[in-house]
Protein backbone atom coordinates (compact mmCIF):
# COMPACT_ATOMS: atom_id res chain seq x y z
CA MET A 1 27.50 -28.36 -21.51
CA SER A 2 26.02 -27.50 -24.90
CA THR A 3 24.80 -23.56 -25.28
CA LEU A 4 21.90 -23.24 -27.69
CA THR A 5 20.82 -19.63 -28.79
CA VAL A 6 18.20 -18.63 -30.43
CA LYS A 7 16.20 -15.34 -31.03
CA GLU A 8 12.37 -16.62 -30.78
CA LEU A 9 10.72 -19.88 -29.08
CA ALA A 10 7.45 -19.88 -30.13
CA ALA A 11 5.15 -23.57 -29.62
CA PRO A 12 2.56 -24.91 -32.76
CA THR A 13 -1.28 -23.47 -32.30
CA GLY A 14 -2.37 -25.86 -29.59
CA PHE A 15 0.96 -26.17 -27.46
CA ASP A 16 2.37 -24.54 -24.81
CA LEU A 17 5.79 -24.68 -24.06
CA LYS A 18 6.87 -26.73 -21.45
CA ILE A 19 10.05 -27.75 -19.21
CA ALA A 20 11.19 -31.82 -18.80
CA SER A 21 10.71 -33.10 -15.44
CA GLY A 22 12.81 -32.42 -12.96
CA GLU A 23 14.85 -29.32 -14.95
CA THR A 24 14.67 -26.13 -13.65
CA LEU A 25 14.50 -23.24 -16.43
CA ASP A 26 16.46 -20.11 -13.94
CA LEU A 27 15.37 -16.96 -15.60
CA ARG A 28 16.43 -14.51 -12.01
CA THR A 29 19.52 -14.93 -12.60
CA GLN A 30 20.44 -15.11 -16.39
CA GLY A 31 18.20 -12.96 -18.19
CA THR A 32 14.57 -11.04 -16.93
CA VAL A 33 10.55 -11.69 -18.24
CA THR A 34 8.52 -9.37 -19.46
CA MET A 35 4.92 -9.75 -17.89
CA PRO A 36 0.98 -8.54 -19.70
CA GLU A 37 0.52 -5.62 -19.10
CA GLY A 38 -1.34 -5.19 -15.49
CA SER A 39 0.39 -8.68 -14.60
CA GLY A 40 0.84 -8.68 -10.53
CA GLY A 41 4.11 -9.03 -9.18
CA GLN A 42 5.44 -8.82 -5.46
CA ILE A 43 3.39 -7.99 -2.82
CA VAL A 44 4.46 -6.55 0.52
CA GLN A 45 2.87 -6.25 3.73
CA ASN A 46 3.38 -4.85 6.99
CA ALA A 47 0.94 -4.94 10.22
CA THR A 48 3.44 -4.17 12.73
CA PHE A 49 3.53 -0.39 13.62
CA ALA A 50 2.61 1.04 16.90
CA ARG A 51 -0.47 3.52 18.15
CA THR A 52 -0.42 6.65 17.12
CA THR A 53 -2.11 9.85 19.26
CA PHE A 54 -1.99 12.97 18.02
CA SER A 55 -3.50 15.69 19.81
CA THR A 56 -2.79 18.37 17.77
CA THR A 57 -5.47 20.59 15.61
CA GLY A 58 -4.29 21.50 12.24
CA THR A 59 -1.01 19.20 12.02
CA TRP A 60 -0.29 16.69 9.22
CA THR A 61 1.72 13.56 11.81
CA ASP A 62 3.50 11.15 9.79
CA THR A 63 1.23 7.58 11.82
CA ASN A 64 3.03 4.33 12.31
CA SER A 65 1.79 2.97 9.37
CA SER A 66 4.21 2.65 6.11
CA ILE A 67 5.59 0.34 4.08
CA SER A 68 9.02 0.18 1.74
CA ILE A 69 8.99 -1.54 -1.69
CA THR A 70 11.63 -1.94 -4.10
CA PRO A 71 9.18 -1.40 -8.28
CA THR A 72 10.94 -4.07 -10.56
CA ALA A 73 10.57 -2.04 -13.26
CA SER A 74 10.17 1.67 -14.12
CA THR A 75 6.91 1.39 -15.63
CA SER A 76 5.23 -0.28 -13.03
CA LYS A 77 2.24 0.63 -10.73
CA ILE A 78 2.07 0.27 -7.51
CA LEU A 79 -1.39 -1.04 -5.70
CA VAL A 80 -0.91 0.45 -1.92
CA THR A 81 -4.55 -0.71 0.37
CA ILE A 82 -4.75 1.02 3.68
CA CYS A 83 -7.09 -0.33 6.76
CA GLN A 84 -6.17 1.62 9.27
CA PRO A 85 -8.14 1.47 12.53
CA THR A 86 -8.82 4.83 14.57
CA ARG A 87 -11.03 6.85 17.04
CA VAL A 88 -11.58 9.71 17.15
CA VAL A 89 -12.28 11.51 21.41
CA GLY A 90 -13.70 15.36 21.49
CA SER A 91 -16.62 16.56 21.38
CA THR A 92 -18.91 17.51 18.31
CA PRO A 93 -18.03 18.24 16.13
CA ILE A 94 -14.93 15.74 16.24
CA ARG A 95 -13.37 15.17 12.72
CA GLY A 96 -10.33 13.86 11.04
CA ALA A 97 -8.79 13.51 7.91
CA ILE A 98 -6.00 11.84 6.15
CA ARG A 99 -3.23 11.51 3.59
CA LEU A 100 -1.14 9.28 1.67
CA LEU A 101 2.33 9.87 0.89
CA ARG A 102 5.12 7.67 -1.19
CA ASP A 103 8.36 9.34 0.55
CA SER A 104 7.49 13.40 1.08
CA THR A 105 5.30 13.45 -2.31
CA VAL A 106 0.88 13.31 -2.06
CA VAL A 107 -0.44 10.80 -4.24
CA TRP A 108 -3.82 10.59 -2.14
CA ASN A 109 -5.82 12.77 -0.33
CA ALA A 110 -9.21 12.36 1.46
CA GLY A 111 -10.38 15.66 3.49
CA GLY A 112 -12.80 14.61 6.52
CA PHE A 113 -14.21 11.80 6.85
CA GLY A 114 -17.38 12.98 9.82
CA GLU A 115 -19.76 10.71 7.42
CA HIS A 116 -18.18 7.08 7.86
CA ILE A 117 -17.42 7.04 11.27
CA HIS A 118 -19.45 4.58 13.51
CA VAL A 119 -21.01 5.72 17.08
CA ARG A 120 -20.46 4.66 20.76
CA ASN A 121 -22.06 4.44 23.32
CA ALA A 122 -20.55 7.23 24.24
CA ASP A 123 -21.22 11.20 23.34
CA ASN A 124 -17.52 12.37 22.60
CA GLU A 125 -16.30 9.25 21.21
CA HIS A 126 -16.10 7.87 17.95
CA ASP A 127 -15.04 4.97 16.25
CA THR A 128 -13.61 3.98 12.42
CA ILE A 129 -11.94 1.91 10.35
CA LEU A 130 -10.41 4.22 7.91
CA TYR A 131 -9.35 2.43 3.98
CA ALA A 132 -7.39 3.94 1.32
CA VAL A 133 -6.16 2.79 -1.72
CA GLU A 134 -4.57 4.14 -4.21
CA LEU A 135 -2.45 2.95 -7.55
CA ASP A 136 0.70 4.90 -7.87
CA SER A 137 3.19 5.25 -10.82
CA PRO A 138 5.96 6.11 -8.47
CA ALA A 139 8.15 6.08 -12.51
CA THR A 140 11.32 4.66 -10.30
CA THR A 141 13.32 1.53 -9.97
CA SER A 142 14.32 2.78 -6.34
CA ALA A 143 13.16 1.74 -3.29
CA ILE A 144 10.30 3.97 -1.93
CA THR A 145 8.44 4.47 0.97
CA TYR A 146 4.58 4.96 1.53
CA LYS A 147 3.18 6.19 4.77
CA LEU A 148 -0.31 7.60 5.95
CA GLN A 149 -0.10 11.02 7.21
CA ALA A 150 -3.26 11.89 9.66
CA LYS A 151 -4.85 15.10 11.29
CA MET A 152 -7.31 16.99 13.41
CA THR A 153 -9.64 18.95 12.08
CA SER A 154 -11.87 19.88 15.70
CA GLY A 155 -11.97 17.48 18.49
CA THR A 156 -9.42 17.09 20.98
CA SER A 157 -7.27 13.55 20.67
CA MET A 158 -7.42 11.06 17.31
CA LEU A 159 -5.35 7.68 17.95
CA MET A 160 -4.35 5.39 14.96
CA PHE A 161 -4.51 1.49 16.37
CA GLU A 162 -1.63 -0.63 15.30
CA GLY A 163 -1.55 -4.18 13.83
CA ASN A 164 -2.87 -5.83 16.25
CA TYR A 165 -6.63 -4.52 16.08
CA GLY A 166 -6.57 -5.39 12.60
CA GLY A 167 -4.51 -2.56 10.82
CA ARG A 168 -2.86 -3.45 7.69
CA ILE A 169 -0.83 -1.22 4.54
CA ILE A 170 -0.21 -3.60 1.75
CA ALA A 171 1.65 -2.70 -2.14
CA GLN A 172 1.76 -4.61 -4.95
CA GLU A 173 3.81 -3.88 -8.07
CA ILE A 174 1.45 -4.43 -11.20
CA ALA A 175 3.10 -4.74 -14.48
CA GLY A 176 3.13 -1.18 -16.13
C-alpha cells in the first residue's frame, strides 16, 4: 500500500471530490473534519426521566429532566430543547418557575408561567407544557450535563411528568 501526502485537495469548478465505489474515507480514526460554522453535529435525547413532585414553595429543586453531552470542539454551541408536561395544584394563584442549568451554572431562567397555564375542569388544578430552548456556548470538550430545576412560587404542589407523558430533553451540538 502506498501513502500519498498532499497539502490540499481541490476539484475543478463544477466537479466534486469523490471516493471510489466500495471504498471508505475514514476521518474518525485517521484525522479530523472541520465543519462549517452552524453545521449540525451529534444529537442526544432523554425521554426516560421519572415523575417529580414538588411541595415546598420557593426552593429550586432538581427535576428528573437531565441530559449529558460531550462537545467535540470548544467552539461548539449546544442547543438544548425541553418539552415538559407539568401540573400545578393549589388554590389561586397557582404559580411556579423553571430554569436550565449547565452543570451548576444557570444558563436560562423563566420566572413565572402563569399566562401559559391551561385551565382544567377543576378550579385548583392547571396543566401546561413547559418549553425551554437555549443556545449555550459551554467552551469545553469535557462532558457536561444540562438539567431542569423547578420551584413553586404559590400553590400546594407541582408535578413534572415523565417521558411517558411526552416529556423530552434534547441536546444538539452545533459547530461554532
